[in-house]
Amino acid sequence: MLRFVSERRTHIAQILNPINELDAVALTCDLPAHGLVRGDVGTAVLVHGNGAAFEVEFVGYDGHTVALLTLEHTQVRPLQTRDIPHARELQAARLVA
């Protein structure tokens, strides 16, 4: 039963939050341990478990990878047509206690 519920939640998440490999995504939460904040844009380079999680690469404008992270579907969203890019200086990563 638990597996069915988990698979159903994953399927619903994929329908509501359809992200495919190489889609641009935005963070829905801050990740201070990596110097990232809500709204930062990355690329989903790999989809896990039918959209349950994603490998997301965050790249600076100089082309260097800032972070490559495994994120749950609740931590990212697809970019919307009304989103605009925003430049900010990357803050040093902080350890979260």
PDB file of N, CA and C in Angstrom:
ATOM      1  N   MET A   1       0.820  -1.195   0.000  1.00  0.00           N
ATOM      2  CA  MET A   1       0.000   0.000   0.000  1.00  0.00           C
ATOM      3  C   MET A   1       0.866   1.261   0.000  1.00  0.00           C
ATOM      4  N   LEU A   2       1.913   1.266   0.833  1.00  0.00           N
ATOM      5  CA  LEU A   2       2.779   2.439   0.919  1.00  0.00           C
ATOM      6  C   LEU A   2       3.432   2.730  -0.427  1.00  0.00           C
ATOM      7  N   ARG A   3       3.851   1.695  -1.135  1.00  0.00           N
ATOM      8  CA  ARG A   3       4.470   1.893  -2.443  1.00  0.00           C
ATOM      9  C   ARG A   3       3.473   2.521  -3.416  1.00  0.00           C
ATOM     10  N   PHE A   4       2.232   2.066  -3.390  1.00  0.00           N
ATOM     11  CA  PHE A   4       1.201   2.610  -4.275  1.00  0.00           C
ATOM     12  C   PHE A   4       0.986   4.093  -4.004  1.00  0.00           C
ATOM     13  N   VAL A   5       0.891   4.464  -2.728  1.00  0.00           N
ATOM     14  CA  VAL A   5       0.694   5.875  -2.368  1.00  0.00           C
ATOM     15  C   VAL A   5       1.869   6.707  -2.844  1.00  0.00           C
ATOM     16  N   SER A   6       3.094   6.212  -2.639  1.00  0.00           N
ATOM     17  CA  SER A   6       4.284   6.933  -3.073  1.00  0.00           C
ATOM     18  C   SER A   6       4.305   7.097  -4.589  1.00  0.00           C
ATOM     19  N   GLU A   7       3.995   6.028  -5.320  1.00  0.00           N
ATOM     20  CA  GLU A   7       3.967   6.106  -6.779  1.00  0.00           C
ATOM     21  C   GLU A   7       2.880   7.061  -7.256  1.00  0.00           C
ATOM     22  N   ARG A   8       1.742   7.057  -6.578  1.00  0.00           N
ATOM     23  CA  ARG A   8       0.646   7.957  -6.963  1.00  0.00           C
ATOM     24  C   ARG A   8       1.045   9.412  -6.748  1.00  0.00           C
ATOM     25  N   ARG A   9       1.673   9.714  -5.618  1.00  0.00           N
ATOM     26  CA  ARG A   9       2.129  11.086  -5.361  1.00  0.00           C
ATOM     27  C   ARG A   9       3.137  11.529  -6.411  1.00  0.00           C
ATOM     28  N   THR A  10       4.038  10.625  -6.772  1.00  0.00           N
ATOM     29  CA  THR A  10       5.028  10.942  -7.800  1.00  0.00           C
ATOM     30  C   THR A  10       4.347  11.231  -9.124  1.00  0.00           C
ATOM     31  N   HIS A  11       3.362  10.427  -9.494  1.00  0.00           N
ATOM     32  CA  HIS A  11       2.641  10.625 -10.753  1.00  0.00           C
ATOM     33  C   HIS A  11       1.898  11.959 -10.738  1.00  0.00           C
ATOM     34  N   ILE A  12       1.234  12.273  -9.639  1.00  0.00           N
ATOM     35  CA  ILE A  12       0.521  13.551  -9.525  1.00  0.00           C
ATOM     36  C   ILE A  12       1.507  14.707  -9.618  1.00  0.00           C
ATOM     37  N   ALA A  13       2.649  14.582  -8.966  1.00  0.00           N
ATOM     38  CA  ALA A  13       3.662  15.643  -9.017  1.00  0.00           C
ATOM     39  C   ALA A  13       4.133  15.869 -10.445  1.00  0.00           C
ATOM     40  N   GLN A  14       4.300  14.790 -11.196  1.00  0.00           N
ATOM     41  CA  GLN A  14       4.762  14.934 -12.576  1.00  0.00           C
ATOM     42  C   GLN A  14       3.713  15.635 -13.431  1.00  0.00           C
ATOM     43  N   ILE A  15       2.448  15.352 -13.197  1.00  0.00           N
ATOM     44  CA  ILE A  15       1.381  16.005 -13.962  1.00  0.00           C
ATOM     45  C   ILE A  15       1.318  17.488 -13.622  1.00  0.00           C
ATOM     46  N   LEU A  16       1.401  17.809 -12.341  1.00  0.00           N
ATOM     47  CA  LEU A  16       1.289  19.198 -11.900  1.00  0.00           C
ATOM     48  C   LEU A  16       2.563  19.994 -12.139  1.00  0.00           C
ATOM     49  N   ASN A  17       3.689  19.327 -12.191  1.00  0.00           N
ATOM     50  CA  ASN A  17       4.979  19.986 -12.305  1.00  0.00           C
ATOM     51  C   ASN A  17       5.806  19.283 -13.382  1.00  0.00           C
ATOM     52  N   PRO A  18       5.358  19.352 -14.649  1.00  0.00           N
ATOM     53  CA  PRO A  18       6.039  18.577 -15.690  1.00  0.00           C
ATOM     54  C   PRO A  18       7.410  19.157 -16.039  1.00  0.00           C
ATOM     55  N   ILE A  19       8.447  18.489 -15.603  1.00  0.00           N
ATOM     56  CA  ILE A  19       9.817  18.911 -15.892  1.00  0.00           C
ATOM     57  C   ILE A  19      10.506  17.762 -16.612  1.00  0.00           C
ATOM     58  N   ASN A  20      11.088  18.068 -17.742  1.00  0.00           N
ATOM     59  CA  ASN A  20      11.812  17.079 -18.528  1.00  0.00           C
ATOM     60  C   ASN A  20      13.299  17.400 -18.504  1.00  0.00           C
ATOM     61  N   GLU A  21      14.108  16.428 -18.924  1.00  0.00           N
ATOM     62  CA  GLU A  21      15.545  16.669 -19.003  1.00  0.00           C
ATOM     63  C   GLU A  21      15.833  17.856 -19.914  1.00  0.00           C
ATOM     64  N   LEU A  22      16.759  18.695 -19.477  1.00  0.00           N
ATOM     65  CA  LEU A  22      17.225  19.913 -20.148  1.00  0.00           C
ATOM     66  C   LEU A  22      16.244  21.074 -20.072  1.00  0.00           C
ATOM     67  N   ASP A  23      15.172  20.937 -19.276  1.00  0.00           N
ATOM     68  CA  ASP A  23      14.278  22.071 -19.034  1.00  0.00           C
ATOM     69  C   ASP A  23      14.922  23.020 -18.028  1.00  0.00           C
ATOM     70  N   ALA A  24      14.696  24.299 -18.224  1.00  0.00           N
ATOM     71  CA  ALA A  24      15.114  25.294 -17.234  1.00  0.00           C
ATOM     72  C   ALA A  24      14.106  25.264 -16.091  1.00  0.00           C
ATOM     73  N   VAL A  25      14.624  25.338 -14.867  1.00  0.00           N
ATOM     74  CA  VAL A  25      13.776  25.306 -13.678  1.00  0.00           C
ATOM     75  C   VAL A  25      14.201  26.414 -12.723  1.00  0.00           C
ATOM     76  N   ALA A  26      13.280  26.802 -11.854  1.00  0.00           N
ATOM     77  CA  ALA A  26      13.570  27.801 -10.827  1.00  0.00           C
ATOM     78  C   ALA A  26      13.449  27.150  -9.454  1.00  0.00           C
ATOM     79  N   LEU A  27      14.333  27.527  -8.555  1.00  0.00           N
ATOM     80  CA  LEU A  27      14.247  27.048  -7.177  1.00  0.00           C
ATOM     81  C   LEU A  27      13.000  27.614  -6.510  1.00  0.00           C
ATOM     82  N   THR A  28      12.350  26.809  -5.687  1.00  0.00           N
ATOM     83  CA  THR A  28      11.195  27.276  -4.925  1.00  0.00           C
ATOM     84  C   THR A  28      11.554  27.534  -3.463  1.00  0.00           C
ATOM     85  N   CYS A  29      12.830  27.338  -3.119  1.00  0.00           N
ATOM     86  CA  CYS A  29      13.282  27.534  -1.741  1.00  0.00           C
ATOM     87  C   CYS A  29      14.749  27.958  -1.754  1.00  0.00           C
ATOM     88  N   ASP A  30      15.191  28.535  -0.658  1.00  0.00           N
ATOM     89  CA  ASP A  30      16.603  28.881  -0.510  1.00  0.00           C
ATOM     90  C   ASP A  30      17.405  27.620  -0.187  1.00  0.00           C
ATOM     91  N   LEU A  31      18.622  27.565  -0.699  1.00  0.00           N
ATOM     92  CA  LEU A  31      19.565  26.493  -0.370  1.00  0.00           C
ATOM     93  C   LEU A  31      20.865  27.153   0.095  1.00  0.00           C
ATOM     94  N   PRO A  32      20.875  27.698   1.322  1.00  0.00           N
ATOM     95  CA  PRO A  32      22.020  28.476   1.798  1.00  0.00           C
ATOM     96  C   PRO A  32      23.325  27.689   1.846  1.00  0.00           C
ATOM     97  N   ALA A  33      23.256  26.391   2.007  1.00  0.00           N
ATOM     98  CA  ALA A  33      24.482  25.589   2.040  1.00  0.00           C
ATOM     99  C   ALA A  33      25.208  25.619   0.698  1.00  0.00           C
ATOM    100  N   HIS A  34      24.491  26.027  -0.357  1.00  0.00           N
ATOM    101  CA  HIS A  34      25.078  26.087  -1.698  1.00  0.00           C
ATOM    102  C   HIS A  34      25.109  27.507  -2.251  1.00  0.00           C
ATOM    103  N   GLY A  35      24.705  28.488  -1.429  1.00  0.00           N
ATOM    104  CA  GLY A  35      24.701  29.875  -1.871  1.00  0.00           C
ATOM    105  C   GLY A  35      23.583  30.196  -2.849  1.00  0.00           C
ATOM    106  N   LEU A  36      22.550  29.358  -2.908  1.00  0.00           N
ATOM    107  CA  LEU A  36      21.447  29.550  -3.849  1.00  0.00           C
ATOM    108  C   LEU A  36      20.206  30.061  -3.128  1.00  0.00           C
ATOM    109  N   VAL A  37      19.413  30.848  -3.844  1.00  0.00           N
ATOM    110  CA  VAL A  37      18.192  31.403  -3.263  1.00  0.00           C
ATOM    111  C   VAL A  37      16.997  31.108  -4.162  1.00  0.00           C
ATOM    112  N   ARG A  38      15.826  31.200  -3.554  1.00  0.00           N
ATOM    113  CA  ARG A  38      14.571  30.994  -4.284  1.00  0.00           C
ATOM    114  C   ARG A  38      14.573  31.855  -5.547  1.00  0.00           C
ATOM    115  N   GLY A  39      14.209  31.245  -6.667  1.00  0.00           N
ATOM    116  CA  GLY A  39      14.173  31.962  -7.932  1.00  0.00           C
ATOM    117  C   GLY A  39      15.406  31.761  -8.793  1.00  0.00           C
ATOM    118  N   ASP A  40      16.509  31.273  -8.208  1.00  0.00           N
ATOM    119  CA  ASP A  40      17.690  30.989  -9.032  1.00  0.00           C
ATOM    120  C   ASP A  40      17.317  29.944 -10.085  1.00  0.00           C
ATOM    121  N   VAL A  41      17.900  30.090 -11.268  1.00  0.00           N
ATOM    122  CA  VAL A  41      17.548  29.236 -12.399  1.00  0.00           C
ATOM    123  C   VAL A  41      18.643  28.210 -12.662  1.00  0.00           C
ATOM    124  N   GLY A  42      18.218  26.982 -12.879  1.00  0.00           N
ATOM    125  CA  GLY A  42      19.130  25.900 -13.221  1.00  0.00           C
ATOM    126  C   GLY A  42      18.548  25.080 -14.355  1.00  0.00           C
ATOM    127  N   THR A  43      19.255  24.021 -14.719  1.00  0.00           N
ATOM    128  CA  THR A  43      18.810  23.120 -15.779  1.00  0.00           C
ATOM    129  C   THR A  43      18.659  21.719 -15.213  1.00  0.00           C
ATOM    130  N   ALA A  44      17.501  21.106 -15.440  1.00  0.00           N
ATOM    131  CA  ALA A  44      17.280  19.718 -15.029  1.00  0.00           C
ATOM    132  C   ALA A  44      18.053  18.828 -15.998  1.00  0.00           C
ATOM    133  N   VAL A  45      19.149  18.255 -15.538  1.00  0.00           N
ATOM    134  CA  VAL A  45      19.975  17.434 -16.421  1.00  0.00           C
ATOM    135  C   VAL A  45      19.620  15.952 -16.337  1.00  0.00           C
ATOM    136  N   LEU A  46      18.856  15.569 -15.316  1.00  0.00           N
ATOM    137  CA  LEU A  46      18.431  14.182 -15.169  1.00  0.00           C
ATOM    138  C   LEU A  46      17.145  14.148 -14.356  1.00  0.00           C
ATOM    139  N   VAL A  47      16.213  13.300 -14.762  1.00  0.00           N
ATOM    140  CA  VAL A  47      14.944  13.132 -14.048  1.00  0.00           C
ATOM    141  C   VAL A  47      14.974  11.780 -13.345  1.00  0.00           C
ATOM    142  N   HIS A  48      14.670  11.778 -12.042  1.00  0.00           N
ATOM    143  CA  HIS A  48      14.625  10.543 -11.250  1.00  0.00           C
ATOM    144  C   HIS A  48      13.178  10.164 -10.963  1.00  0.00           C
ATOM    145  N   GLY A  49      12.875   8.879 -11.018  1.00  0.00           N
ATOM    146  CA  GLY A  49      11.592   8.362 -10.555  1.00  0.00           C
ATOM    147  C   GLY A  49      10.378   9.059 -11.120  1.00  0.00           C
ATOM    148  N   ASN A  50      10.312   9.210 -12.423  1.00  0.00           N
ATOM    149  CA  ASN A  50       9.151   9.841 -13.063  1.00  0.00           C
ATOM    150  C   ASN A  50       8.848  11.230 -12.516  1.00  0.00           C
ATOM    151  N   GLY A  51       9.875  11.973 -12.179  1.00  0.00           N
ATOM    152  CA  GLY A  51       9.683  13.347 -11.726  1.00  0.00           C
ATOM    153  C   GLY A  51       9.649  13.526 -10.225  1.00  0.00           C
ATOM    154  N   ALA A  52      10.025  12.498  -9.470  1.00  0.00           N
ATOM    155  CA  ALA A  52      10.072  12.625  -8.014  1.00  0.00           C
ATOM    156  C   ALA A  52      11.237  13.497  -7.578  1.00  0.00           C
ATOM    157  N   ALA A  53      12.323  13.472  -8.362  1.00  0.00           N
ATOM    158  CA  ALA A  53      13.518  14.261  -8.052  1.00  0.00           C
ATOM    159  C   ALA A  53      14.270  14.537  -9.346  1.00  0.00           C
ATOM    160  N   PHE A  54      15.195  15.490  -9.265  1.00  0.00           N
ATOM    161  CA  PHE A  54      15.935  15.926 -10.446  1.00  0.00           C
ATOM    162  C   PHE A  54      17.382  16.219 -10.082  1.00  0.00           C
ATOM    163  N   GLU A  55      18.286  15.947 -11.012  1.00  0.00           N
ATOM    164  CA  GLU A  55      19.644  16.469 -10.916  1.00  0.00           C
ATOM    165  C   GLU A  55      19.583  17.823 -11.608  1.00  0.00           C
ATOM    166  N   VAL A  56      19.908  18.878 -10.889  1.00  0.00           N
ATOM    167  CA  VAL A  56      19.804  20.229 -11.434  1.00  0.00           C
ATOM    168  C   VAL A  56      21.173  20.894 -11.379  1.00  0.00           C
ATOM    169  N   GLU A  57      21.588  21.450 -12.516  1.00  0.00           N
ATOM    170  CA  GLU A  57      22.865  22.157 -12.603  1.00  0.00           C
ATOM    171  C   GLU A  57      22.604  23.655 -12.618  1.00  0.00           C
ATOM    172  N   PHE A  58      23.301  24.364 -11.754  1.00  0.00           N
ATOM    173  CA  PHE A  58      23.234  25.822 -11.695  1.00  0.00           C
ATOM    174  C   PHE A  58      24.556  26.356 -12.227  1.00  0.00           C
ATOM    175  N   VAL A  59      24.488  27.249 -13.200  1.00  0.00           N
ATOM    176  CA  VAL A  59      25.667  27.740 -13.899  1.00  0.00           C
ATOM    177  C   VAL A  59      25.701  29.257 -13.826  1.00  0.00           C
ATOM    178  N   GLY A  60      26.890  29.816 -13.568  1.00  0.00           N
ATOM    179  CA  GLY A  60      27.059  31.263 -13.590  1.00  0.00           C
ATOM    180  C   GLY A  60      27.126  31.768 -15.018  1.00  0.00           C
ATOM    181  N   TYR A  61      27.019  33.072 -15.192  1.00  0.00           N
ATOM    182  CA  TYR A  61      27.071  33.651 -16.534  1.00  0.00           C
ATOM    183  C   TYR A  61      28.432  33.453 -17.198  1.00  0.00           C
ATOM    184  N   ASP A  62      29.451  33.091 -16.407  1.00  0.00           N
ATOM    185  CA  ASP A  62      30.767  32.806 -16.995  1.00  0.00           C
ATOM    186  C   ASP A  62      30.860  31.369 -17.514  1.00  0.00           C
ATOM    187  N   GLY A  63      29.792  30.589 -17.349  1.00  0.00           N
ATOM    188  CA  GLY A  63      29.755  29.226 -17.862  1.00  0.00           C
ATOM    189  C   GLY A  63      30.221  28.157 -16.895  1.00  0.00           C
ATOM    190  N   HIS A  64      30.683  28.556 -15.718  1.00  0.00           N
ATOM    191  CA  HIS A  64      31.160  27.586 -14.736  1.00  0.00           C
ATOM    192  C   HIS A  64      30.009  27.084 -13.866  1.00  0.00           C
ATOM    193  N   THR A  65      30.048  25.802 -13.561  1.00  0.00           N
ATOM    194  CA  THR A  65      29.019  25.207 -12.712  1.00  0.00           C
ATOM    195  C   THR A  65      29.161  25.729 -11.287  1.00  0.00           C
ATOM    196  N   VAL A  66      28.072  26.241 -10.753  1.00  0.00           N
ATOM    197  CA  VAL A  66      28.022  26.722  -9.374  1.00  0.00           C
ATOM    198  C   VAL A  66      27.650  25.569  -8.449  1.00  0.00           C
ATOM    199  N   ALA A  67      26.683  24.758  -8.877  1.00  0.00           N
ATOM    200  CA  ALA A  67      26.241  23.610  -8.078  1.00  0.00           C
ATOM    201  C   ALA A  67      25.562  22.596  -8.988  1.00  0.00           C
ATOM    202  N   LEU A  68      25.714  21.335  -8.643  1.00  0.00           N
ATOM    203  CA  LEU A  68      25.000  20.238  -9.294  1.00  0.00           C
ATOM    204  C   LEU A  68      24.368  19.446  -8.163  1.00  0.00           C
ATOM    205  N   LEU A  69      23.035  19.531  -8.056  1.00  0.00           N
ATOM    206  CA  LEU A  69      22.336  19.016  -6.884  1.00  0.00           C
ATOM    207  C   LEU A  69      21.202  18.078  -7.257  1.00  0.00           C
ATOM    208  N   THR A  70      20.917  17.137  -6.371  1.00  0.00           N
ATOM    209  CA  THR A  70      19.710  16.329  -6.482  1.00  0.00           C
ATOM    210  C   THR A  70      18.635  17.029  -5.662  1.00  0.00           C
ATOM    211  N   LEU A  71      17.547  17.419  -6.328  1.00  0.00           N
ATOM    212  CA  LEU A  71      16.477  18.167  -5.669  1.00  0.00           C
ATOM    213  C   LEU A  71      15.148  17.448  -5.825  1.00  0.00           C
ATOM    214  N   GLU A  72      14.316  17.523  -4.796  1.00  0.00           N
ATOM    215  CA  GLU A  72      12.978  16.945  -4.856  1.00  0.00           C
ATOM    216  C   GLU A  72      12.080  17.820  -5.719  1.00  0.00           C
ATOM    217  N   HIS A  73      11.003  17.224  -6.214  1.00  0.00           N
ATOM    218  CA  HIS A  73      10.104  17.960  -7.106  1.00  0.00           C
ATOM    219  C   HIS A  73       9.512  19.198  -6.443  1.00  0.00           C
ATOM    220  N   THR A  74       9.432  19.225  -5.114  1.00  0.00           N
ATOM    221  CA  THR A  74       8.888  20.392  -4.418  1.00  0.00           C
ATOM    222  C   THR A  74       9.884  21.546  -4.346  1.00  0.00           C
ATOM    223  N   GLN A  75      11.149  21.291  -4.657  1.00  0.00           N
ATOM    224  CA  GLN A  75      12.183  22.317  -4.551  1.00  0.00           C
ATOM    225  C   GLN A  75      12.413  23.088  -5.845  1.00  0.00           C
ATOM    226  N   VAL A  76      11.785  22.643  -6.937  1.00  0.00           N
ATOM    227  CA  VAL A  76      11.938  23.314  -8.224  1.00  0.00           C
ATOM    228  C   VAL A  76      10.589  23.405  -8.923  1.00  0.00           C
ATOM    229  N   ARG A  77      10.521  24.326  -9.876  1.00  0.00           N
ATOM    230  CA  ARG A  77       9.325  24.449 -10.709  1.00  0.00           C
ATOM    231  C   ARG A  77       9.772  24.806 -12.118  1.00  0.00           C
ATOM    232  N   PRO A  78       8.945  24.465 -13.112  1.00  0.00           N
ATOM    233  CA  PRO A  78       9.301  24.868 -14.470  1.00  0.00           C
ATOM    234  C   PRO A  78       9.246  26.384 -14.594  1.00  0.00           C
ATOM    235  N   LEU A  79      10.029  26.946 -15.488  1.00  0.00           N
ATOM    236  CA  LEU A  79       9.936  28.381 -15.739  1.00  0.00           C
ATOM    237  C   LEU A  79       8.615  28.688 -16.424  1.00  0.00           C
ATOM    238  N   GLN A  80       8.064  29.845 -16.118  1.00  0.00           N
ATOM    239  CA  GLN A  80       6.790  30.292 -16.682  1.00  0.00           C
ATOM    240  C   GLN A  80       7.059  31.371 -17.728  1.00  0.00           C
ATOM    241  N   THR A  81       6.097  31.607 -18.594  1.00  0.00           N
ATOM    242  CA  THR A  81       6.279  32.614 -19.647  1.00  0.00           C
ATOM    243  C   THR A  81       6.424  34.015 -19.070  1.00  0.00           C
ATOM    244  N   ARG A  82       5.930  34.254 -17.866  1.00  0.00           N
ATOM    245  CA  ARG A  82       6.024  35.588 -17.273  1.00  0.00           C
ATOM    246  C   ARG A  82       7.239  35.754 -16.365  1.00  0.00           C
ATOM    247  N   ASP A  83       8.087  34.737 -16.261  1.00  0.00           N
ATOM    248  CA  ASP A  83       9.329  34.845 -15.485  1.00  0.00           C
ATOM    249  C   ASP A  83      10.339  35.685 -16.259  1.00  0.00           C
ATOM    250  N   ILE A  84      11.190  36.396 -15.528  1.00  0.00           N
ATOM    251  CA  ILE A  84      12.269  37.157 -16.157  1.00  0.00           C
ATOM    252  C   ILE A  84      13.587  36.782 -15.488  1.00  0.00           C
ATOM    253  N   PRO A  85      14.696  36.819 -16.236  1.00  0.00           N
ATOM    254  CA  PRO A  85      15.990  36.524 -15.610  1.00  0.00           C
ATOM    255  C   PRO A  85      16.401  37.648 -14.664  1.00  0.00           C
ATOM    256  N   HIS A  86      17.197  37.304 -13.693  1.00  0.00           N
ATOM    257  CA  HIS A  86      17.672  38.274 -12.712  1.00  0.00           C
ATOM    258  C   HIS A  86      19.122  37.930 -12.377  1.00  0.00           C
ATOM    259  N   ALA A  87      19.992  38.906 -12.436  1.00  0.00           N
ATOM    260  CA  ALA A  87      21.400  38.675 -12.100  1.00  0.00           C
ATOM    261  C   ALA A  87      21.660  39.122 -10.669  1.00  0.00           C
ATOM    262  N   ARG A  88      22.411  38.312  -9.944  1.00  0.00           N
ATOM    263  CA  ARG A  88      22.833  38.665  -8.587  1.00  0.00           C
ATOM    264  C   ARG A  88      24.199  38.050  -8.370  1.00  0.00           C
ATOM    265  N   GLU A  89      24.943  38.633  -7.460  1.00  0.00           N
ATOM    266  CA  GLU A  89      26.255  38.084  -7.136  1.00  0.00           C
ATOM    267  C   GLU A  89      26.072  36.866  -6.238  1.00  0.00           C
ATOM    268  N   LEU A  90      26.770  35.790  -6.570  1.00  0.00           N
ATOM    269  CA  LEU A  90      26.681  34.568  -5.785  1.00  0.00           C
ATOM    270  C   LEU A  90      27.294  34.800  -4.416  1.00  0.00           C
ATOM    271  N   GLN A  91      26.527  34.499  -3.395  1.00  0.00           N
ATOM    272  CA  GLN A  91      27.013  34.618  -2.028  1.00  0.00           C
ATOM    273  C   GLN A  91      27.763  33.341  -1.660  1.00  0.00           C
ATOM    274  N   ALA A  92      28.699  33.469  -0.761  1.00  0.00           N
ATOM    275  CA  ALA A  92      29.425  32.291  -0.294  1.00  0.00           C
ATOM    276  C   ALA A  92      28.439  31.331   0.357  1.00  0.00           C
ATOM    277  N   ALA A  93      28.639  30.051   0.138  1.00  0.00           N
ATOM    278  CA  ALA A  93      27.773  29.046   0.748  1.00  0.00           C
ATOM    279  C   ALA A  93      27.913  29.114   2.259  1.00  0.00           C
ATOM    280  N   ARG A  94      26.787  28.895   2.943  1.00  0.00           N
ATOM    281  CA  ARG A  94      26.777  28.922   4.406  1.00  0.00           C
ATOM    282  C   ARG A  94      26.461  27.535   4.928  1.00  0.00           C
ATOM    283  N   LEU A  95      27.069  27.184   6.019  1.00  0.00           N
ATOM    284  CA  LEU A  95      26.717  25.935   6.676  1.00  0.00           C
ATOM    285  C   LEU A  95      25.429  26.156   7.447  1.00  0.00           C
ATOM    286  N   VAL A  96      24.513  25.224   7.310  1.00  0.00           N
ATOM    287  CA  VAL A  96      23.236  25.317   8.006  1.00  0.00           C
ATOM    288  C   VAL A  96      23.317  24.452   9.247  1.00  0.00           C
ATOM    289  N   ALA A  97      23.026  25.052  10.392  1.00  0.00           N
ATOM    290  CA  ALA A  97      23.103  24.297  11.652  1.00  0.00           C
ATOM    291  C   ALA A  97      21.871  23.470  11.876  1.00  0.00           C
TER     292      ALA A  97
END
